[in-house]
Amino acid sequence: MSGLIWFFENLGLGVYNLFYAITHPASWLDWSQNESMMRFIYYGGSVEFFFVLLVIFFAFTAIGLWKHWVLWGAVRVLEAFANGTGRLFAWAGLLMVLQQIIIIFIQRIFANSQISVGLGSSFTRDISWWSEELKLYNAMVVAMCVSYTFVQGGHVRVDLFYAAMGHRAKRVVDMFGALFFMIPAAVLTWLYGWYFLWRHLVTPKPSASDTLDRLLLKARALRWNVETIGFSPNGFDAYFLFKILLVAYAGLVFLHGIAFFYRSLLEWIEGPESADKYLDRDRLGNEEADLAAENS
């Protein structure tokens, strides 16, 4: 009983916190004030923020069950965002290959130990820096293309029972998976990744166990202290970017978990004729010819 009381109390506070954050943006977005910045850090990984998102989710779902076009609109926007983000960051794979080729030519053929990039004022780093920086491109593809790959049906699945199920049974499984596996995993990754990120960006280091009052006390000495430590003397020294990608990854998975739940819910309600409705998947090579043949 106490757990239910706690849940509904925080749900009610979520409504209040949502309207307060909207009407008082300077209290957490005015980073010229250390207290505002520390509030942003605290609330970004807090229970209060989770319940604000839960309030928005409940309200939007209730409206969408009344007007299905609202939920379809959310699905289309979130899937378009996933596709757009993935298609953009997929180019990091090409950059990774091209940079590796340049490194080999510079190091093995021209016997140079540095690479400079830029016109006029150039950006010069050791070969080892550029070699280690290749990991960043790989991380971009993994973190920023995760929801795009999901939309495109590119993730590996181990299917023992799903394929033999009917349309509505599949949608129930999809909704259960989104609500109890996909979204909770994204939330846990975000909660750990959020403070992991900020501990390498500012000092004094914030902690997930700190209360808001304690963090506001720390705000008196708050300053930027971006991590620039590499694994080797001349190696890549911007590993804080990987922490940003971790948080971005969790956010993308969370958003697409909601989109996948809404799509599954709508397809369950509207029946088999709504399967893959508005789904934007890439078609390459023979798939385009097959589609043309189907339409002719």
Protein backbone atom coordinates (compact mmCIF):
# COMPACT_ATOMS: atom_id res chain seq x y z
CA MET A 1 0.00 0.00 0.00
CA SER A 2 2.81 2.40 0.87
CA GLY A 3 4.33 1.74 -2.56
CA LEU A 4 1.09 2.70 -4.29
CA ILE A 5 0.81 5.86 -2.21
CA TRP A 6 4.40 6.76 -3.11
CA PHE A 7 3.69 6.12 -6.80
CA PHE A 8 0.56 8.29 -6.98
CA GLU A 9 2.15 11.05 -4.88
CA ASN A 10 5.07 11.23 -7.31
CA LEU A 11 2.68 11.06 -10.25
CA GLY A 12 0.84 14.09 -8.89
CA LEU A 13 4.13 15.87 -8.25
CA GLY A 14 5.09 15.04 -11.84
CA VAL A 15 2.22 17.19 -13.08
CA TYR A 16 3.33 20.05 -10.81
CA ASN A 17 7.02 19.68 -11.77
CA LEU A 18 6.15 19.64 -15.47
CA PHE A 19 4.25 22.93 -15.33
CA TYR A 20 6.86 24.48 -13.01
CA ALA A 21 9.70 23.55 -15.39
CA ILE A 22 7.78 25.01 -18.34
CA THR A 23 6.91 28.25 -16.54
CA HIS A 24 10.34 28.69 -14.90
CA PRO A 25 12.88 27.70 -17.58
CA ALA A 26 15.60 29.97 -16.19
CA SER A 27 15.74 27.92 -12.97
CA TRP A 28 17.33 25.02 -14.86
CA LEU A 29 18.40 26.37 -18.27
CA ASP A 30 20.24 29.57 -17.32
CA TRP A 31 23.71 28.05 -17.10
CA SER A 32 25.29 31.41 -16.39
CA GLN A 33 24.05 30.66 -12.86
CA ASN A 34 25.77 27.70 -11.20
CA GLU A 35 22.61 26.78 -9.27
CA SER A 36 20.60 26.47 -12.49
CA MET A 37 23.20 24.24 -14.06
CA MET A 38 23.32 22.02 -10.98
CA ARG A 39 19.51 21.74 -10.99
CA PHE A 40 19.72 20.62 -14.63
CA ILE A 41 22.29 17.96 -13.67
CA TYR A 42 20.20 16.77 -10.71
CA TYR A 43 16.83 16.61 -12.44
CA GLY A 44 18.25 15.00 -15.60
CA GLY A 45 18.77 11.74 -13.71
CA SER A 46 16.14 12.08 -11.00
CA VAL A 47 12.95 10.32 -9.95
CA GLU A 48 11.15 13.62 -10.52
CA PHE A 49 12.17 13.67 -14.18
CA PHE A 50 11.04 10.06 -14.62
CA PHE A 51 7.57 10.86 -13.29
CA VAL A 52 7.32 13.95 -15.49
CA LEU A 53 7.94 11.71 -18.50
CA LEU A 54 5.44 9.19 -17.13
CA VAL A 55 2.77 11.91 -16.81
CA ILE A 56 3.38 13.00 -20.41
CA PHE A 57 3.21 9.37 -21.56
CA PHE A 58 -0.08 8.68 -19.74
CA ALA A 59 -1.67 11.90 -20.97
CA PHE A 60 -0.57 11.42 -24.56
CA THR A 61 -1.67 7.77 -24.57
CA ALA A 62 -5.10 8.69 -23.20
CA ILE A 63 -5.56 11.32 -25.92
CA GLY A 64 -4.28 8.90 -28.55
CA LEU A 65 -6.72 6.17 -27.56
CA TRP A 66 -9.50 8.69 -28.14
CA LYS A 67 -8.03 10.02 -31.39
CA HIS A 68 -5.88 7.39 -33.09
CA TRP A 69 -4.39 9.90 -35.51
CA VAL A 70 -2.56 11.48 -32.55
CA LEU A 71 -0.70 8.25 -31.81
CA TRP A 72 -0.06 7.61 -35.50
CA GLY A 73 1.38 11.12 -35.68
CA ALA A 74 3.70 10.35 -32.77
CA VAL A 75 4.79 7.09 -34.40
CA ARG A 76 5.55 8.81 -37.69
CA VAL A 77 7.49 11.65 -36.04
CA LEU A 78 9.54 9.34 -33.79
CA GLU A 79 10.28 6.86 -36.57
CA ALA A 80 11.22 9.71 -38.93
CA PHE A 81 13.56 11.04 -36.23
CA ALA A 82 15.10 7.58 -35.80
CA ASN A 83 15.54 7.17 -39.57
CA GLY A 84 16.94 10.66 -40.04
CA THR A 85 19.42 10.30 -37.18
CA GLY A 86 20.53 6.85 -38.32
CA ARG A 87 20.92 7.80 -41.96
CA LEU A 88 23.03 10.81 -40.97
CA PHE A 89 25.36 9.04 -38.55
CA ALA A 90 25.70 6.00 -40.82
CA TRP A 91 28.12 8.18 -42.83
CA ALA A 92 30.51 7.86 -39.89
CA GLY A 93 31.26 4.36 -41.17
CA LEU A 94 32.51 5.80 -44.46
CA LEU A 95 34.56 8.45 -42.62
CA MET A 96 36.12 5.70 -40.51
CA VAL A 97 37.23 3.77 -43.62
CA LEU A 98 38.56 6.88 -45.39
CA GLN A 99 40.46 8.04 -42.32
CA GLN A 100 42.04 4.61 -41.89
CA ILE A 101 43.22 4.70 -45.51
CA ILE A 102 44.72 8.19 -44.99
CA ILE A 103 46.49 7.04 -41.82
CA ILE A 104 48.08 4.12 -43.68
CA PHE A 105 49.25 6.34 -46.53
CA ILE A 106 50.64 9.04 -44.23
CA GLN A 107 52.37 6.59 -41.91
CA ARG A 108 53.63 3.91 -44.28
CA ILE A 109 54.22 5.73 -47.56
CA PHE A 110 55.07 9.31 -46.51
CA ALA A 111 56.62 8.28 -43.15
CA ASN A 112 54.99 11.21 -41.35
CA SER A 113 54.09 11.01 -37.67
CA GLN A 114 51.42 13.74 -37.71
CA ILE A 115 48.29 14.69 -39.65
CA SER A 116 47.08 18.29 -39.98
CA VAL A 117 43.55 19.28 -40.96
CA GLY A 118 42.30 22.79 -41.72
CA LEU A 119 42.92 25.90 -43.78
CA GLY A 120 45.06 28.62 -42.26
CA SER A 121 44.81 27.59 -38.61
CA SER A 122 45.28 23.81 -38.81
CA PHE A 123 44.37 21.08 -36.33
CA THR A 124 47.47 18.90 -35.88
CA ARG A 125 47.62 15.63 -33.96
CA ASP A 126 49.89 12.62 -33.81
CA ILE A 127 49.08 9.54 -35.92
CA SER A 128 48.23 7.61 -32.75
CA TRP A 129 45.57 10.25 -31.90
CA TRP A 130 43.86 9.79 -35.26
CA SER A 131 44.11 6.01 -34.97
CA GLU A 132 42.42 5.94 -31.57
CA GLU A 133 39.82 8.46 -32.76
CA LEU A 134 38.54 5.81 -35.19
CA LYS A 135 36.78 4.24 -32.19
CA LEU A 136 34.58 7.34 -32.01
CA TYR A 137 33.18 6.72 -35.50
CA ASN A 138 32.38 3.13 -34.56
CA ALA A 139 30.66 4.35 -31.38
CA MET A 140 28.63 6.87 -33.41
CA VAL A 141 27.34 4.12 -35.69
CA VAL A 142 26.42 1.85 -32.76
CA ALA A 143 24.84 4.52 -30.53
CA MET A 144 23.16 6.81 -33.04
CA CYS A 145 21.94 4.19 -35.52
CA VAL A 146 20.37 1.85 -32.95
CA SER A 147 16.77 3.00 -33.37
CA TYR A 148 17.20 3.39 -37.16
CA THR A 149 18.29 -0.25 -37.33
CA PHE A 150 15.24 -1.23 -35.27
CA VAL A 151 12.90 0.60 -37.66
CA GLN A 152 14.58 -1.09 -40.60
CA GLY A 153 14.23 -4.52 -38.98
CA GLY A 154 17.99 -5.00 -38.96
CA HIS A 155 18.51 -6.28 -35.40
CA VAL A 156 19.20 -9.99 -34.97
CA ARG A 157 16.29 -11.94 -33.48
CA VAL A 158 16.13 -15.45 -32.04
CA ASP A 159 12.59 -16.51 -32.95
CA LEU A 160 11.18 -19.72 -31.45
CA PHE A 161 7.49 -18.94 -31.11
CA TYR A 162 6.86 -15.43 -32.49
CA ALA A 163 6.64 -16.32 -36.20
CA ALA A 164 3.86 -18.86 -35.62
CA MET A 165 1.67 -16.38 -33.71
CA GLY A 166 -1.27 -14.49 -35.16
CA HIS A 167 -1.29 -10.75 -35.81
CA ARG A 168 -2.83 -9.68 -32.48
CA ALA A 169 -0.73 -12.10 -30.43
CA LYS A 170 2.42 -10.67 -32.00
CA ARG A 171 1.33 -7.16 -31.13
CA VAL A 172 0.75 -8.16 -27.49
CA VAL A 173 4.27 -9.61 -27.34
CA ASP A 174 5.65 -6.43 -28.92
CA MET A 175 3.83 -4.20 -26.43
CA PHE A 176 5.02 -6.32 -23.50
CA GLY A 177 8.61 -6.26 -24.78
CA ALA A 178 8.56 -2.49 -25.27
CA LEU A 179 7.10 -1.74 -21.83
CA PHE A 180 8.96 -4.28 -19.71
CA PHE A 181 12.29 -4.74 -21.50
CA MET A 182 13.11 -2.00 -24.00
CA ILE A 183 12.01 1.09 -22.06
CA PRO A 184 13.24 -0.05 -18.59
CA ALA A 185 16.66 -0.98 -20.04
CA ALA A 186 16.89 2.48 -21.63
CA VAL A 187 15.89 4.17 -18.35
CA LEU A 188 18.54 2.25 -16.36
CA THR A 189 21.21 3.03 -18.95
CA TRP A 190 20.24 6.71 -18.88
CA LEU A 191 20.32 6.90 -15.06
CA TYR A 192 23.81 5.41 -14.87
CA GLY A 193 25.09 7.18 -17.98
CA TRP A 194 23.80 10.64 -16.98
CA TYR A 195 25.92 11.03 -13.84
CA PHE A 196 28.78 9.10 -15.44
CA LEU A 197 28.80 11.83 -18.11
CA TRP A 198 28.64 14.81 -15.78
CA ARG A 199 31.30 13.44 -13.45
CA HIS A 200 33.71 13.87 -16.36
CA LEU A 201 32.52 17.33 -17.38
CA VAL A 202 32.31 19.40 -14.17
CA THR A 203 33.82 19.67 -10.73
CA PRO A 204 32.90 19.14 -7.89
CA LYS A 205 31.76 15.79 -9.22
CA PRO A 206 28.00 15.22 -8.86
CA SER A 207 26.78 11.88 -7.58
CA ALA A 208 23.52 10.01 -8.06
CA SER A 209 23.23 9.70 -4.28
CA ASP A 210 23.44 13.48 -3.74
CA THR A 211 20.27 15.33 -2.79
CA LEU A 212 19.33 18.53 -4.58
CA ASP A 213 20.30 20.61 -1.52
CA ARG A 214 23.73 19.00 -1.41
CA LEU A 215 24.28 19.63 -5.12
CA LEU A 216 23.22 23.26 -4.72
CA LEU A 217 25.88 23.60 -2.01
CA LYS A 218 28.44 22.15 -4.43
CA ALA A 219 27.28 24.68 -7.02
CA ARG A 220 29.23 27.40 -5.18
CA ALA A 221 32.46 25.85 -6.49
CA LEU A 222 31.06 24.53 -9.78
CA ARG A 223 33.26 24.88 -12.86
CA TRP A 224 33.83 23.08 -16.13
CA ASN A 225 36.50 20.38 -15.97
CA VAL A 226 36.16 18.44 -19.22
CA GLU A 227 38.01 15.11 -19.26
CA THR A 228 41.02 15.22 -21.61
CA ILE A 229 42.93 12.14 -20.46
CA GLY A 230 44.06 9.61 -23.08
CA PHE A 231 45.31 6.07 -22.78
CA SER A 232 48.66 7.08 -24.27
CA PRO A 233 50.67 10.33 -24.21
CA ASN A 234 49.75 11.27 -27.78
CA GLY A 235 46.52 9.30 -27.98
CA PHE A 236 42.91 10.38 -28.35
CA ASP A 237 41.99 12.69 -25.46
CA ALA A 238 38.26 13.39 -25.92
CA TYR A 239 36.76 10.31 -24.31
CA PHE A 240 33.98 12.41 -22.79
CA LEU A 241 32.37 12.21 -26.24
CA PHE A 242 31.78 8.49 -25.65
CA LYS A 243 29.86 9.35 -22.47
CA ILE A 244 27.69 11.76 -24.45
CA LEU A 245 27.02 9.01 -26.99
CA LEU A 246 26.01 6.64 -24.18
CA VAL A 247 23.36 9.08 -22.96
CA ALA A 248 22.22 9.75 -26.54
CA TYR A 249 21.96 5.99 -27.12
CA ALA A 250 19.74 5.56 -24.06
CA GLY A 251 17.55 8.48 -25.13
CA LEU A 252 17.09 7.09 -28.65
CA VAL A 253 16.19 3.63 -27.35
CA PHE A 254 13.72 5.15 -24.89
CA LEU A 255 12.00 7.26 -27.55
CA HIS A 256 11.79 4.39 -29.98
CA GLY A 257 10.50 2.09 -27.25
CA ILE A 258 7.54 4.47 -26.94
CA ALA A 259 7.13 4.61 -30.74
CA PHE A 260 7.23 0.81 -30.95
CA PHE A 261 4.67 0.47 -28.16
CA TYR A 262 2.32 2.94 -29.87
CA ARG A 263 2.71 1.20 -33.24
CA SER A 264 2.03 -2.20 -31.69
CA LEU A 265 -0.97 -0.85 -29.78
CA LEU A 266 -2.50 0.73 -32.89
CA GLU A 267 -1.87 -2.35 -35.03
CA TRP A 268 -3.49 -4.49 -32.32
CA ILE A 269 -6.56 -2.22 -32.21
CA GLU A 270 -6.95 -1.69 -35.96
CA GLY A 271 -6.15 -5.24 -37.07
CA PRO A 272 -3.92 -6.81 -39.75
CA GLU A 273 -4.73 -4.15 -42.35
CA SER A 274 -2.74 -1.62 -40.31
CA ALA A 275 0.44 -3.74 -40.21
CA ASP A 276 3.51 -1.67 -41.16
CA LYS A 277 1.31 1.38 -41.74
CA TYR A 278 3.42 4.48 -42.53
CA LEU A 279 6.57 2.37 -42.01
CA ASP A 280 9.51 3.94 -43.86
CA ARG A 281 12.06 1.27 -44.66
CA ASP A 282 14.97 1.58 -47.07
CA ARG A 283 14.76 -0.46 -50.27
CA LEU A 284 17.98 -1.23 -52.10
CA GLY A 285 18.91 -3.20 -55.20
CA ASN A 286 16.57 -6.05 -56.07
CA GLU A 287 14.06 -4.92 -53.43
CA GLU A 288 13.19 -1.91 -55.60
CA ALA A 289 12.62 -4.16 -58.61
CA ASP A 290 10.48 -6.51 -56.50
CA LEU A 291 8.40 -3.57 -55.29
CA ALA A 292 7.89 -2.31 -58.85
CA ALA A 293 6.81 -5.78 -59.92
CA GLU A 294 4.31 -5.97 -57.06
CA ASN A 295 2.81 -2.59 -58.01
CA SER A 296 2.58 -3.39 -61.76
